[in-house]
Amino acid sequence: MFVKICGITNEDDALLAVAMGADAVGFVLAPSPRQIAPQQIFNITRRLPPEILTVGVFRDELPSRVIDTVNRAGLKAAQLHGHESPAMVAEVAEQIRWVIKAVVAGSADVRRTNEFSTDLILVDAPSPGSGKLFDWSLLGEVAEGPRLILAGGLDPDNVATAVRKVQPWGVDVSTGVEKSPGRKDPMKVKAFIERARAAAPQQHLGPDSMPYDWADDEE
Protein backbone atom coordinates (compact mmCIF):
# COMPACT_ATOMS: atom_id res chain seq x y z
CA MET A 1 0.00 0.00 0.00
CA PHE A 2 1.59 3.23 -1.23
CA VAL A 3 1.12 6.10 1.27
CA LYS A 4 1.86 9.73 0.42
CA ILE A 5 1.86 12.49 3.02
CA CYS A 6 1.26 15.77 1.22
CA GLY A 7 1.34 19.43 2.12
CA ILE A 8 4.77 19.21 3.77
CA THR A 9 6.03 22.70 4.69
CA ASN A 10 9.04 22.01 6.90
CA GLU A 11 11.89 19.56 7.45
CA ASP A 12 10.58 18.20 10.76
CA ASP A 13 7.31 17.07 9.18
CA ALA A 14 9.12 15.51 6.23
CA LEU A 15 11.38 13.52 8.54
CA LEU A 16 8.38 12.59 10.68
CA ALA A 17 6.48 11.20 7.69
CA VAL A 18 9.51 9.17 6.64
CA ALA A 19 10.06 7.84 10.16
CA MET A 20 6.44 6.75 10.35
CA GLY A 21 6.77 4.75 7.14
CA ALA A 22 5.46 6.99 4.36
CA ASP A 23 6.53 6.05 0.83
CA ALA A 24 6.23 9.60 -0.50
CA VAL A 25 6.09 13.20 0.69
CA GLY A 26 4.48 16.00 -1.28
CA PHE A 27 5.34 19.68 -1.48
CA VAL A 28 2.82 22.17 -2.83
CA LEU A 29 4.25 24.59 -5.39
CA ALA A 30 0.87 25.89 -6.56
CA PRO A 31 -0.85 28.82 -4.80
CA SER A 32 -1.98 27.45 -1.44
CA PRO A 33 -1.68 28.15 2.30
CA ARG A 34 0.81 25.25 2.22
CA GLN A 35 2.84 26.56 -0.70
CA ILE A 36 6.61 26.23 -0.26
CA ALA A 37 9.50 27.67 -2.28
CA PRO A 38 11.76 25.47 -4.43
CA GLN A 39 14.88 26.35 -2.41
CA GLN A 40 13.16 25.37 0.83
CA ILE A 41 12.15 22.08 -0.76
CA PHE A 42 15.72 21.45 -1.91
CA ASN A 43 16.98 22.00 1.63
CA ILE A 44 14.54 19.33 2.83
CA THR A 45 14.80 16.77 0.04
CA ARG A 46 18.57 16.49 0.33
CA ARG A 47 18.06 15.23 3.90
CA LEU A 48 15.64 12.45 2.97
CA PRO A 49 16.49 8.80 2.25
CA PRO A 50 16.80 7.93 -1.46
CA GLU A 51 13.96 5.40 -1.29
CA ILE A 52 11.43 8.16 -0.52
CA LEU A 53 9.51 9.57 -3.49
CA THR A 54 9.59 13.36 -3.26
CA VAL A 55 6.74 14.99 -5.17
CA GLY A 56 6.16 18.57 -6.28
CA VAL A 57 2.49 19.48 -6.65
CA PHE A 58 1.63 21.85 -9.51
CA ARG A 59 -1.62 23.24 -10.86
CA ASP A 60 -2.04 24.40 -14.48
CA GLU A 61 1.64 25.27 -14.81
CA LEU A 62 3.56 25.26 -18.08
CA PRO A 63 5.33 21.93 -18.60
CA SER A 64 8.68 23.71 -18.99
CA ARG A 65 8.20 25.42 -15.63
CA VAL A 66 7.24 22.14 -13.98
CA ILE A 67 10.34 20.42 -15.31
CA ASP A 68 12.65 23.27 -14.31
CA THR A 69 11.19 23.55 -10.81
CA VAL A 70 11.31 19.81 -10.15
CA ASN A 71 15.00 19.82 -11.05
CA ARG A 72 15.84 22.93 -9.03
CA ALA A 73 14.01 21.65 -5.95
CA GLY A 74 15.72 18.26 -6.03
CA LEU A 75 12.43 16.44 -6.47
CA LYS A 76 11.87 13.06 -8.09
CA ALA A 77 8.27 13.43 -9.22
CA ALA A 78 5.68 15.93 -10.41
CA GLN A 79 2.02 15.81 -9.45
CA LEU A 80 -0.13 17.71 -11.94
CA HIS A 81 -3.21 18.76 -10.04
CA GLY A 82 -5.00 21.00 -12.50
CA HIS A 83 -6.63 20.82 -15.92
CA GLU A 84 -3.51 19.62 -17.73
CA SER A 85 -4.18 17.99 -21.09
CA PRO A 86 -2.76 14.57 -22.02
CA ALA A 87 -0.25 16.38 -24.24
CA MET A 88 0.96 18.54 -21.34
CA VAL A 89 1.33 15.51 -19.09
CA ALA A 90 3.24 13.69 -21.83
CA GLU A 91 5.62 16.64 -22.20
CA VAL A 92 6.42 16.58 -18.49
CA ALA A 93 6.75 12.78 -18.51
CA GLU A 94 9.42 12.99 -21.21
CA GLN A 95 11.73 14.77 -18.74
CA ILE A 96 10.47 13.76 -15.29
CA ARG A 97 10.71 10.09 -14.53
CA TRP A 98 7.64 9.84 -12.29
CA VAL A 99 4.45 11.80 -12.89
CA ILE A 100 1.21 11.63 -10.92
CA LYS A 101 -1.83 13.03 -12.73
CA ALA A 102 -4.58 14.17 -10.40
CA VAL A 103 -8.17 14.16 -11.62
CA VAL A 104 -11.38 15.27 -9.96
CA ALA A 105 -14.00 12.68 -9.12
CA GLY A 106 -16.96 12.94 -11.49
CA SER A 107 -15.04 14.92 -14.13
CA ALA A 108 -14.48 14.00 -17.77
CA ASP A 109 -10.79 13.42 -17.01
CA VAL A 110 -11.70 10.45 -14.81
CA ARG A 111 -12.98 8.57 -17.83
CA ARG A 112 -9.76 9.11 -19.80
CA THR A 113 -7.16 8.41 -17.14
CA ASN A 114 -5.54 5.86 -19.44
CA GLU A 115 -4.61 8.68 -21.86
CA PHE A 116 -2.27 10.63 -19.55
CA SER A 117 1.13 8.98 -20.22
CA THR A 118 1.45 7.82 -16.62
CA ASP A 119 0.22 4.85 -14.66
CA LEU A 120 -0.08 6.87 -11.45
CA ILE A 121 -3.50 8.51 -11.22
CA LEU A 122 -4.72 10.35 -8.12
CA VAL A 123 -8.47 10.89 -7.75
CA ASP A 124 -9.41 13.82 -5.54
CA ALA A 125 -12.62 15.38 -4.27
CA PRO A 126 -14.41 18.00 -6.41
CA SER A 127 -12.98 20.62 -4.02
CA PRO A 128 -9.31 19.63 -3.61
CA GLY A 129 -7.87 20.57 -0.24
CA SER A 130 -11.30 20.92 1.33
CA GLY A 131 -10.79 17.94 3.61
CA LYS A 132 -14.17 16.56 2.56
CA LEU A 133 -14.94 13.05 1.36
CA PHE A 134 -16.60 12.43 -1.99
CA ASP A 135 -18.92 9.71 -3.26
CA TRP A 136 -16.58 6.77 -3.83
CA SER A 137 -19.02 5.23 -6.30
CA LEU A 138 -17.73 7.85 -8.77
CA LEU A 139 -14.52 5.82 -8.95
CA GLY A 140 -16.40 3.33 -11.07
CA GLU A 141 -15.85 5.76 -13.95
CA VAL A 142 -12.04 5.51 -13.75
CA ALA A 143 -10.56 3.94 -16.88
CA GLU A 144 -8.80 0.63 -16.32
CA GLY A 145 -5.04 0.41 -16.42
CA PRO A 146 -3.46 3.10 -14.20
CA ARG A 147 -2.72 2.59 -10.52
CA LEU A 148 -5.29 4.47 -8.43
CA ILE A 149 -4.23 6.74 -5.57
CA LEU A 150 -7.22 7.81 -3.47
CA ALA A 151 -7.31 11.31 -1.94
CA GLY A 152 -9.96 13.72 -0.73
CA GLY A 153 -10.99 14.00 2.90
CA LEU A 154 -9.05 11.02 4.19
CA ASP A 155 -7.95 10.91 7.82
CA PRO A 156 -6.98 8.29 10.42
CA ASP A 157 -10.63 7.63 11.26
CA ASN A 158 -11.84 6.85 7.74
CA VAL A 159 -8.82 5.61 5.81
CA ALA A 160 -9.32 1.94 6.72
CA THR A 161 -12.92 2.05 5.50
CA ALA A 162 -11.84 3.83 2.33
CA VAL A 163 -9.13 1.26 1.60
CA ARG A 164 -11.46 -1.68 2.19
CA LYS A 165 -14.25 -0.27 0.02
CA VAL A 166 -12.23 1.25 -2.82
CA GLN A 167 -9.16 -1.03 -2.73
CA PRO A 168 -6.88 1.66 -4.21
CA TRP A 169 -3.23 1.03 -4.96
CA GLY A 170 -2.34 3.98 -2.72
CA VAL A 171 -3.69 6.78 -0.53
CA ASP A 172 -2.79 10.45 -0.17
CA VAL A 173 -3.47 12.76 2.77
CA SER A 174 -2.69 16.34 3.73
CA THR A 175 -5.17 18.18 5.97
CA GLY A 176 -6.39 14.96 7.57
CA VAL A 177 -3.14 14.53 9.50
CA GLU A 178 -2.56 18.14 10.52
CA LYS A 179 -2.67 19.69 13.97
CA SER A 180 -2.81 23.18 12.42
CA PRO A 181 -2.60 24.45 8.82
CA GLY A 182 0.74 23.35 7.39
CA ARG A 183 1.85 21.45 10.51
CA LYS A 184 1.51 17.68 10.85
CA ASP A 185 0.33 15.83 13.95
CA PRO A 186 2.72 12.93 14.70
CA MET A 187 0.04 10.68 16.17
CA LYS A 188 -2.32 11.27 13.24
CA VAL A 189 0.42 10.55 10.71
CA LYS A 190 1.34 7.34 12.52
CA ALA A 191 -2.27 6.18 12.83
CA PHE A 192 -3.07 7.02 9.20
CA ILE A 193 -0.17 5.00 7.81
CA GLU A 194 -0.74 2.03 10.11
CA ARG A 195 -4.48 1.83 9.45
CA ALA A 196 -4.11 2.22 5.68
CA ARG A 197 -1.63 -0.63 5.53
CA ALA A 198 -3.63 -2.84 7.89
CA ALA A 199 -6.71 -2.53 5.65
CA ALA A 200 -4.87 -2.99 2.35
CA PRO A 201 -5.82 -5.95 0.15
CA GLN A 202 -3.11 -8.57 -0.25
CA GLN A 203 -2.23 -7.56 -3.83
CA HIS A 204 -1.34 -4.06 -2.59
CA LEU A 205 1.06 -5.20 0.12
CA GLY A 206 4.79 -5.87 -0.05
CA PRO A 207 7.52 -4.78 -2.45
CA ASP A 208 5.89 -6.44 -5.44
CA SER A 209 3.03 -3.95 -5.20
CA MET A 210 5.32 -1.02 -5.97
CA PRO A 211 5.74 -0.02 -9.64
CA TYR A 212 9.22 1.40 -9.31
CA ASP A 213 12.27 1.50 -7.15
CA TRP A 214 12.10 5.15 -6.13
CA ALA A 215 15.79 5.05 -5.16
CA ASP A 216 16.82 3.95 -8.64
CA ASP A 217 18.64 6.87 -10.24
CA GLU A 218 17.98 7.09 -13.96
CA GLU A 219 21.39 8.65 -14.45
C-alpha atoms as a PDB file:
ATOM      1  CA  MET A   1       0.000   0.000   0.000  1.00  0.00           C
ATOM      2  CA  PHE A   2       1.590   3.231  -1.232  1.00  0.00           C
ATOM      3  CA  VAL A   3       1.123   6.099   1.266  1.00  0.00           C
ATOM      4  CA  LYS A   4       1.864   9.726   0.423  1.00  0.00           C
ATOM      5  CA  ILE A   5       1.861  12.490   3.025  1.00  0.00           C
ATOM      6  CA  CYS A   6       1.260  15.769   1.225  1.00  0.00           C
ATOM      7  CA  GLY A   7       1.337  19.433   2.123  1.00  0.00           C
ATOM      8  CA  ILE A   8       4.768  19.213   3.773  1.00  0.00           C
ATOM      9  CA  THR A   9       6.026  22.697   4.689  1.00  0.00           C
ATOM     10  CA  ASN A  10       9.040  22.009   6.898  1.00  0.00           C
ATOM     11  CA  GLU A  11      11.892  19.565   7.449  1.00  0.00           C
ATOM     12  CA  ASP A  12      10.575  18.204  10.760  1.00  0.00           C
ATOM     13  CA  ASP A  13       7.313  17.070   9.182  1.00  0.00           C
ATOM     14  CA  ALA A  14       9.120  15.511   6.228  1.00  0.00           C
ATOM     15  CA  LEU A  15      11.380  13.515   8.543  1.00  0.00           C
ATOM     16  CA  LEU A  16       8.377  12.589  10.675  1.00  0.00           C
ATOM     17  CA  ALA A  17       6.480  11.202   7.690  1.00  0.00           C
ATOM     18  CA  VAL A  18       9.510   9.174   6.643  1.00  0.00           C
ATOM     19  CA  ALA A  19      10.065   7.844  10.164  1.00  0.00           C
ATOM     20  CA  MET A  20       6.442   6.748  10.348  1.00  0.00           C
ATOM     21  CA  GLY A  21       6.768   4.755   7.141  1.00  0.00           C
ATOM     22  CA  ALA A  22       5.459   6.994   4.362  1.00  0.00           C
ATOM     23  CA  ASP A  23       6.528   6.053   0.827  1.00  0.00           C
ATOM     24  CA  ALA A  24       6.231   9.605  -0.498  1.00  0.00           C
ATOM     25  CA  VAL A  25       6.085  13.200   0.686  1.00  0.00           C
ATOM     26  CA  GLY A  26       4.476  15.996  -1.278  1.00  0.00           C
ATOM     27  CA  PHE A  27       5.342  19.683  -1.478  1.00  0.00           C
ATOM     28  CA  VAL A  28       2.815  22.173  -2.829  1.00  0.00           C
ATOM     29  CA  LEU A  29       4.249  24.588  -5.388  1.00  0.00           C
ATOM     30  CA  ALA A  30       0.872  25.888  -6.562  1.00  0.00           C
ATOM     31  CA  PRO A  31      -0.847  28.824  -4.797  1.00  0.00           C
ATOM     32  CA  SER A  32      -1.982  27.453  -1.438  1.00  0.00           C
ATOM     33  CA  PRO A  33      -1.684  28.146   2.297  1.00  0.00           C
ATOM     34  CA  ARG A  34       0.814  25.249   2.222  1.00  0.00           C
ATOM     35  CA  GLN A  35       2.845  26.561  -0.703  1.00  0.00           C
ATOM     36  CA  ILE A  36       6.606  26.229  -0.265  1.00  0.00           C
ATOM     37  CA  ALA A  37       9.499  27.673  -2.282  1.00  0.00           C
ATOM     38  CA  PRO A  38      11.761  25.472  -4.429  1.00  0.00           C
ATOM     39  CA  GLN A  39      14.877  26.354  -2.415  1.00  0.00           C
ATOM     40  CA  GLN A  40      13.160  25.366   0.828  1.00  0.00           C
ATOM     41  CA  ILE A  41      12.148  22.078  -0.757  1.00  0.00           C
ATOM     42  CA  PHE A  42      15.719  21.451  -1.906  1.00  0.00           C
ATOM     43  CA  ASN A  43      16.984  21.995   1.634  1.00  0.00           C
ATOM     44  CA  ILE A  44      14.541  19.330   2.826  1.00  0.00           C
ATOM     45  CA  THR A  45      14.802  16.765   0.040  1.00  0.00           C
ATOM     46  CA  ARG A  46      18.573  16.492   0.333  1.00  0.00           C
ATOM     47  CA  ARG A  47      18.058  15.232   3.899  1.00  0.00           C
ATOM     48  CA  LEU A  48      15.638  12.454   2.973  1.00  0.00           C
ATOM     49  CA  PRO A  49      16.490   8.803   2.250  1.00  0.00           C
ATOM     50  CA  PRO A  50      16.805   7.925  -1.458  1.00  0.00           C
ATOM     51  CA  GLU A  51      13.959   5.404  -1.290  1.00  0.00           C
ATOM     52  CA  ILE A  52      11.432   8.165  -0.524  1.00  0.00           C
ATOM     53  CA  LEU A  53       9.511   9.567  -3.486  1.00  0.00           C
ATOM     54  CA  THR A  54       9.592  13.358  -3.260  1.00  0.00           C
ATOM     55  CA  VAL A  55       6.743  14.987  -5.165  1.00  0.00           C
ATOM     56  CA  GLY A  56       6.161  18.567  -6.276  1.00  0.00           C
ATOM     57  CA  VAL A  57       2.489  19.476  -6.651  1.00  0.00           C
ATOM     58  CA  PHE A  58       1.628  21.855  -9.507  1.00  0.00           C
ATOM     59  CA  ARG A  59      -1.623  23.240 -10.860  1.00  0.00           C
ATOM     60  CA  ASP A  60      -2.043  24.402 -14.482  1.00  0.00           C
ATOM     61  CA  GLU A  61       1.637  25.267 -14.814  1.00  0.00           C
ATOM     62  CA  LEU A  62       3.555  25.260 -18.081  1.00  0.00           C
ATOM     63  CA  PRO A  63       5.328  21.932 -18.600  1.00  0.00           C
ATOM     64  CA  SER A  64       8.676  23.706 -18.994  1.00  0.00           C
ATOM     65  CA  ARG A  65       8.201  25.417 -15.626  1.00  0.00           C
ATOM     66  CA  VAL A  66       7.239  22.145 -13.983  1.00  0.00           C
ATOM     67  CA  ILE A  67      10.342  20.418 -15.311  1.00  0.00           C
ATOM     68  CA  ASP A  68      12.651  23.268 -14.308  1.00  0.00           C
ATOM     69  CA  THR A  69      11.190  23.550 -10.810  1.00  0.00           C
ATOM     70  CA  VAL A  70      11.310  19.807 -10.147  1.00  0.00           C
ATOM     71  CA  ASN A  71      14.999  19.815 -11.046  1.00  0.00           C
ATOM     72  CA  ARG A  72      15.835  22.933  -9.032  1.00  0.00           C
ATOM     73  CA  ALA A  73      14.013  21.649  -5.954  1.00  0.00           C
ATOM     74  CA  GLY A  74      15.724  18.258  -6.033  1.00  0.00           C
ATOM     75  CA  LEU A  75      12.427  16.443  -6.468  1.00  0.00           C
ATOM     76  CA  LYS A  76      11.873  13.058  -8.087  1.00  0.00           C
ATOM     77  CA  ALA A  77       8.266  13.432  -9.222  1.00  0.00           C
ATOM     78  CA  ALA A  78       5.684  15.930 -10.414  1.00  0.00           C
ATOM     79  CA  GLN A  79       2.023  15.806  -9.451  1.00  0.00           C
ATOM     80  CA  LEU A  80      -0.130  17.706 -11.943  1.00  0.00           C
ATOM     81  CA  HIS A  81      -3.207  18.760 -10.039  1.00  0.00           C
ATOM     82  CA  GLY A  82      -5.001  21.003 -12.498  1.00  0.00           C
ATOM     83  CA  HIS A  83      -6.628  20.823 -15.924  1.00  0.00           C
ATOM     84  CA  GLU A  84      -3.506  19.621 -17.733  1.00  0.00           C
ATOM     85  CA  SER A  85      -4.177  17.987 -21.089  1.00  0.00           C
ATOM     86  CA  PRO A  86      -2.763  14.569 -22.018  1.00  0.00           C
ATOM     87  CA  ALA A  87      -0.252  16.382 -24.240  1.00  0.00           C
ATOM     88  CA  MET A  88       0.962  18.539 -21.343  1.00  0.00           C
ATOM     89  CA  VAL A  89       1.330  15.507 -19.086  1.00  0.00           C
ATOM     90  CA  ALA A  90       3.237  13.686 -21.828  1.00  0.00           C
ATOM     91  CA  GLU A  91       5.621  16.644 -22.200  1.00  0.00           C
ATOM     92  CA  VAL A  92       6.417  16.576 -18.487  1.00  0.00           C
ATOM     93  CA  ALA A  93       6.746  12.778 -18.506  1.00  0.00           C
ATOM     94  CA  GLU A  94       9.419  12.992 -21.206  1.00  0.00           C
ATOM     95  CA  GLN A  95      11.726  14.771 -18.745  1.00  0.00           C
ATOM     96  CA  ILE A  96      10.472  13.760 -15.291  1.00  0.00           C
ATOM     97  CA  ARG A  97      10.706  10.085 -14.526  1.00  0.00           C
ATOM     98  CA  TRP A  98       7.638   9.835 -12.287  1.00  0.00           C
ATOM     99  CA  VAL A  99       4.447  11.797 -12.887  1.00  0.00           C
ATOM    100  CA  ILE A 100       1.208  11.630 -10.920  1.00  0.00           C
ATOM    101  CA  LYS A 101      -1.830  13.031 -12.727  1.00  0.00           C
ATOM    102  CA  ALA A 102      -4.578  14.170 -10.399  1.00  0.00           C
ATOM    103  CA  VAL A 103      -8.168  14.157 -11.616  1.00  0.00           C
ATOM    104  CA  VAL A 104     -11.380  15.269  -9.959  1.00  0.00           C
ATOM    105  CA  ALA A 105     -14.002  12.679  -9.118  1.00  0.00           C
ATOM    106  CA  GLY A 106     -16.956  12.940 -11.491  1.00  0.00           C
ATOM    107  CA  SER A 107     -15.043  14.917 -14.132  1.00  0.00           C
ATOM    108  CA  ALA A 108     -14.476  14.002 -17.773  1.00  0.00           C
ATOM    109  CA  ASP A 109     -10.787  13.420 -17.015  1.00  0.00           C
ATOM    110  CA  VAL A 110     -11.697  10.450 -14.809  1.00  0.00           C
ATOM    111  CA  ARG A 111     -12.985   8.569 -17.833  1.00  0.00           C
ATOM    112  CA  ARG A 112      -9.759   9.108 -19.801  1.00  0.00           C
ATOM    113  CA  THR A 113      -7.159   8.415 -17.144  1.00  0.00           C
ATOM    114  CA  ASN A 114      -5.541   5.862 -19.445  1.00  0.00           C
ATOM    115  CA  GLU A 115      -4.607   8.680 -21.859  1.00  0.00           C
ATOM    116  CA  PHE A 116      -2.268  10.628 -19.553  1.00  0.00           C
ATOM    117  CA  SER A 117       1.126   8.980 -20.224  1.00  0.00           C
ATOM    118  CA  THR A 118       1.453   7.818 -16.618  1.00  0.00           C
ATOM    119  CA  ASP A 119       0.216   4.848 -14.657  1.00  0.00           C
ATOM    120  CA  LEU A 120      -0.078   6.865 -11.447  1.00  0.00           C
ATOM    121  CA  ILE A 121      -3.503   8.511 -11.217  1.00  0.00           C
ATOM    122  CA  LEU A 122      -4.725  10.352  -8.123  1.00  0.00           C
ATOM    123  CA  VAL A 123      -8.472  10.892  -7.749  1.00  0.00           C
ATOM    124  CA  ASP A 124      -9.413  13.819  -5.536  1.00  0.00           C
ATOM    125  CA  ALA A 125     -12.618  15.376  -4.275  1.00  0.00           C
ATOM    126  CA  PRO A 126     -14.406  18.002  -6.412  1.00  0.00           C
ATOM    127  CA  SER A 127     -12.980  20.616  -4.018  1.00  0.00           C
ATOM    128  CA  PRO A 128      -9.313  19.630  -3.610  1.00  0.00           C
ATOM    129  CA  GLY A 129      -7.873  20.568  -0.244  1.00  0.00           C
ATOM    130  CA  SER A 130     -11.296  20.918   1.335  1.00  0.00           C
ATOM    131  CA  GLY A 131     -10.788  17.943   3.612  1.00  0.00           C
ATOM    132  CA  LYS A 132     -14.170  16.555   2.557  1.00  0.00           C
ATOM    133  CA  LEU A 133     -14.936  13.048   1.363  1.00  0.00           C
ATOM    134  CA  PHE A 134     -16.600  12.428  -1.986  1.00  0.00           C
ATOM    135  CA  ASP A 135     -18.915   9.714  -3.260  1.00  0.00           C
ATOM    136  CA  TRP A 136     -16.575   6.768  -3.829  1.00  0.00           C
ATOM    137  CA  SER A 137     -19.018   5.230  -6.298  1.00  0.00           C
ATOM    138  CA  LEU A 138     -17.733   7.846  -8.765  1.00  0.00           C
ATOM    139  CA  LEU A 139     -14.522   5.819  -8.949  1.00  0.00           C
ATOM    140  CA  GLY A 140     -16.402   3.326 -11.069  1.00  0.00           C
ATOM    141  CA  GLU A 141     -15.847   5.762 -13.948  1.00  0.00           C
ATOM    142  CA  VAL A 142     -12.043   5.507 -13.747  1.00  0.00           C
ATOM    143  CA  ALA A 143     -10.561   3.941 -16.875  1.00  0.00           C
ATOM    144  CA  GLU A 144      -8.804   0.631 -16.317  1.00  0.00           C
ATOM    145  CA  GLY A 145      -5.039   0.413 -16.419  1.00  0.00           C
ATOM    146  CA  PRO A 146      -3.456   3.099 -14.203  1.00  0.00           C
ATOM    147  CA  ARG A 147      -2.721   2.593 -10.515  1.00  0.00           C
ATOM    148  CA  LEU A 148      -5.285   4.471  -8.426  1.00  0.00           C
ATOM    149  CA  ILE A 149      -4.231   6.740  -5.572  1.00  0.00           C
ATOM    150  CA  LEU A 150      -7.218   7.814  -3.466  1.00  0.00           C
ATOM    151  CA  ALA A 151      -7.306  11.310  -1.940  1.00  0.00           C
ATOM    152  CA  GLY A 152      -9.955  13.716  -0.726  1.00  0.00           C
ATOM    153  CA  GLY A 153     -10.994  13.998   2.901  1.00  0.00           C
ATOM    154  CA  LEU A 154      -9.045  11.020   4.187  1.00  0.00           C
ATOM    155  CA  ASP A 155      -7.954  10.909   7.823  1.00  0.00           C
ATOM    156  CA  PRO A 156      -6.983   8.288  10.417  1.00  0.00           C
ATOM    157  CA  ASP A 157     -10.629   7.630  11.260  1.00  0.00           C
ATOM    158  CA  ASN A 158     -11.843   6.845   7.738  1.00  0.00           C
ATOM    159  CA  VAL A 159      -8.818   5.610   5.811  1.00  0.00           C
ATOM    160  CA  ALA A 160      -9.315   1.938   6.719  1.00  0.00           C
ATOM    161  CA  THR A 161     -12.921   2.046   5.500  1.00  0.00           C
ATOM    162  CA  ALA A 162     -11.836   3.827   2.327  1.00  0.00           C
ATOM    163  CA  VAL A 163      -9.129   1.256   1.595  1.00  0.00           C
ATOM    164  CA  ARG A 164     -11.458  -1.683   2.188  1.00  0.00           C
ATOM    165  CA  LYS A 165     -14.247  -0.268   0.024  1.00  0.00           C
ATOM    166  CA  VAL A 166     -12.231   1.250  -2.824  1.00  0.00           C
ATOM    167  CA  GLN A 167      -9.159  -1.026  -2.731  1.00  0.00           C
ATOM    168  CA  PRO A 168      -6.878   1.657  -4.212  1.00  0.00           C
ATOM    169  CA  TRP A 169      -3.225   1.031  -4.959  1.00  0.00           C
ATOM    170  CA  GLY A 170      -2.338   3.984  -2.716  1.00  0.00           C
ATOM    171  CA  VAL A 171      -3.692   6.782  -0.534  1.00  0.00           C
ATOM    172  CA  ASP A 172      -2.795  10.447  -0.171  1.00  0.00           C
ATOM    173  CA  VAL A 173      -3.469  12.761   2.768  1.00  0.00           C
ATOM    174  CA  SER A 174      -2.693  16.341   3.734  1.00  0.00           C
ATOM    175  CA  THR A 175      -5.174  18.185   5.973  1.00  0.00           C
ATOM    176  CA  GLY A 176      -6.390  14.964   7.570  1.00  0.00           C
ATOM    177  CA  VAL A 177      -3.140  14.528   9.500  1.00  0.00           C
ATOM    178  CA  GLU A 178      -2.562  18.136  10.522  1.00  0.00           C
ATOM    179  CA  LYS A 179      -2.669  19.687  13.974  1.00  0.00           C
ATOM    180  CA  SER A 180      -2.811  23.176  12.417  1.00  0.00           C
ATOM    181  CA  PRO A 181      -2.601  24.452   8.823  1.00  0.00           C
ATOM    182  CA  GLY A 182       0.741  23.346   7.392  1.00  0.00           C
ATOM    183  CA  ARG A 183       1.848  21.451  10.514  1.00  0.00           C
ATOM    184  CA  LYS A 184       1.515  17.675  10.847  1.00  0.00           C
ATOM    185  CA  ASP A 185       0.328  15.828  13.948  1.00  0.00           C
ATOM    186  CA  PRO A 186       2.715  12.926  14.702  1.00  0.00           C
ATOM    187  CA  MET A 187       0.037  10.679  16.172  1.00  0.00           C
ATOM    188  CA  LYS A 188      -2.319  11.274  13.241  1.00  0.00           C
ATOM    189  CA  VAL A 189       0.424  10.552  10.714  1.00  0.00           C
ATOM    190  CA  LYS A 190       1.340   7.343  12.520  1.00  0.00           C
ATOM    191  CA  ALA A 191      -2.270   6.183  12.825  1.00  0.00           C
ATOM    192  CA  PHE A 192      -3.070   7.016   9.200  1.00  0.00           C
ATOM    193  CA  ILE A 193      -0.169   5.001   7.805  1.00  0.00           C
ATOM    194  CA  GLU A 194      -0.736   2.031  10.111  1.00  0.00           C
ATOM    195  CA  ARG A 195      -4.485   1.835   9.445  1.00  0.00           C
ATOM    196  CA  ALA A 196      -4.108   2.224   5.685  1.00  0.00           C
ATOM    197  CA  ARG A 197      -1.629  -0.626   5.528  1.00  0.00           C
ATOM    198  CA  ALA A 198      -3.635  -2.844   7.890  1.00  0.00           C
ATOM    199  CA  ALA A 199      -6.714  -2.530   5.651  1.00  0.00           C
ATOM    200  CA  ALA A 200      -4.866  -2.987   2.348  1.00  0.00           C
ATOM    201  CA  PRO A 201      -5.821  -5.948   0.149  1.00  0.00           C
ATOM    202  CA  GLN A 202      -3.106  -8.569  -0.248  1.00  0.00           C
ATOM    203  CA  GLN A 203      -2.232  -7.561  -3.825  1.00  0.00           C
ATOM    204  CA  HIS A 204      -1.339  -4.063  -2.591  1.00  0.00           C
ATOM    205  CA  LEU A 205       1.060  -5.203   0.118  1.00  0.00           C
ATOM    206  CA  GLY A 206       4.785  -5.873  -0.050  1.00  0.00           C
ATOM    207  CA  PRO A 207       7.524  -4.780  -2.451  1.00  0.00           C
ATOM    208  CA  ASP A 208       5.888  -6.445  -5.440  1.00  0.00           C
ATOM    209  CA  SER A 209       3.028  -3.948  -5.204  1.00  0.00           C
ATOM    210  CA  MET A 210       5.323  -1.016  -5.974  1.00  0.00           C
ATOM    211  CA  PRO A 211       5.736  -0.024  -9.636  1.00  0.00           C
ATOM    212  CA  TYR A 212       9.218   1.401  -9.305  1.00  0.00           C
ATOM    213  CA  ASP A 213      12.274   1.498  -7.145  1.00  0.00           C
ATOM    214  CA  TRP A 214      12.100   5.147  -6.125  1.00  0.00           C
ATOM    215  CA  ALA A 215      15.786   5.051  -5.163  1.00  0.00           C
ATOM    216  CA  ASP A 216      16.821   3.947  -8.638  1.00  0.00           C
ATOM    217  CA  ASP A 217      18.640   6.873 -10.242  1.00  0.00           C
ATOM    218  CA  GLU A 218      17.984   7.091 -13.956  1.00  0.00           C
ATOM    219  CA  GLU A 219      21.386   8.646 -14.446  1.00  0.00           C
END
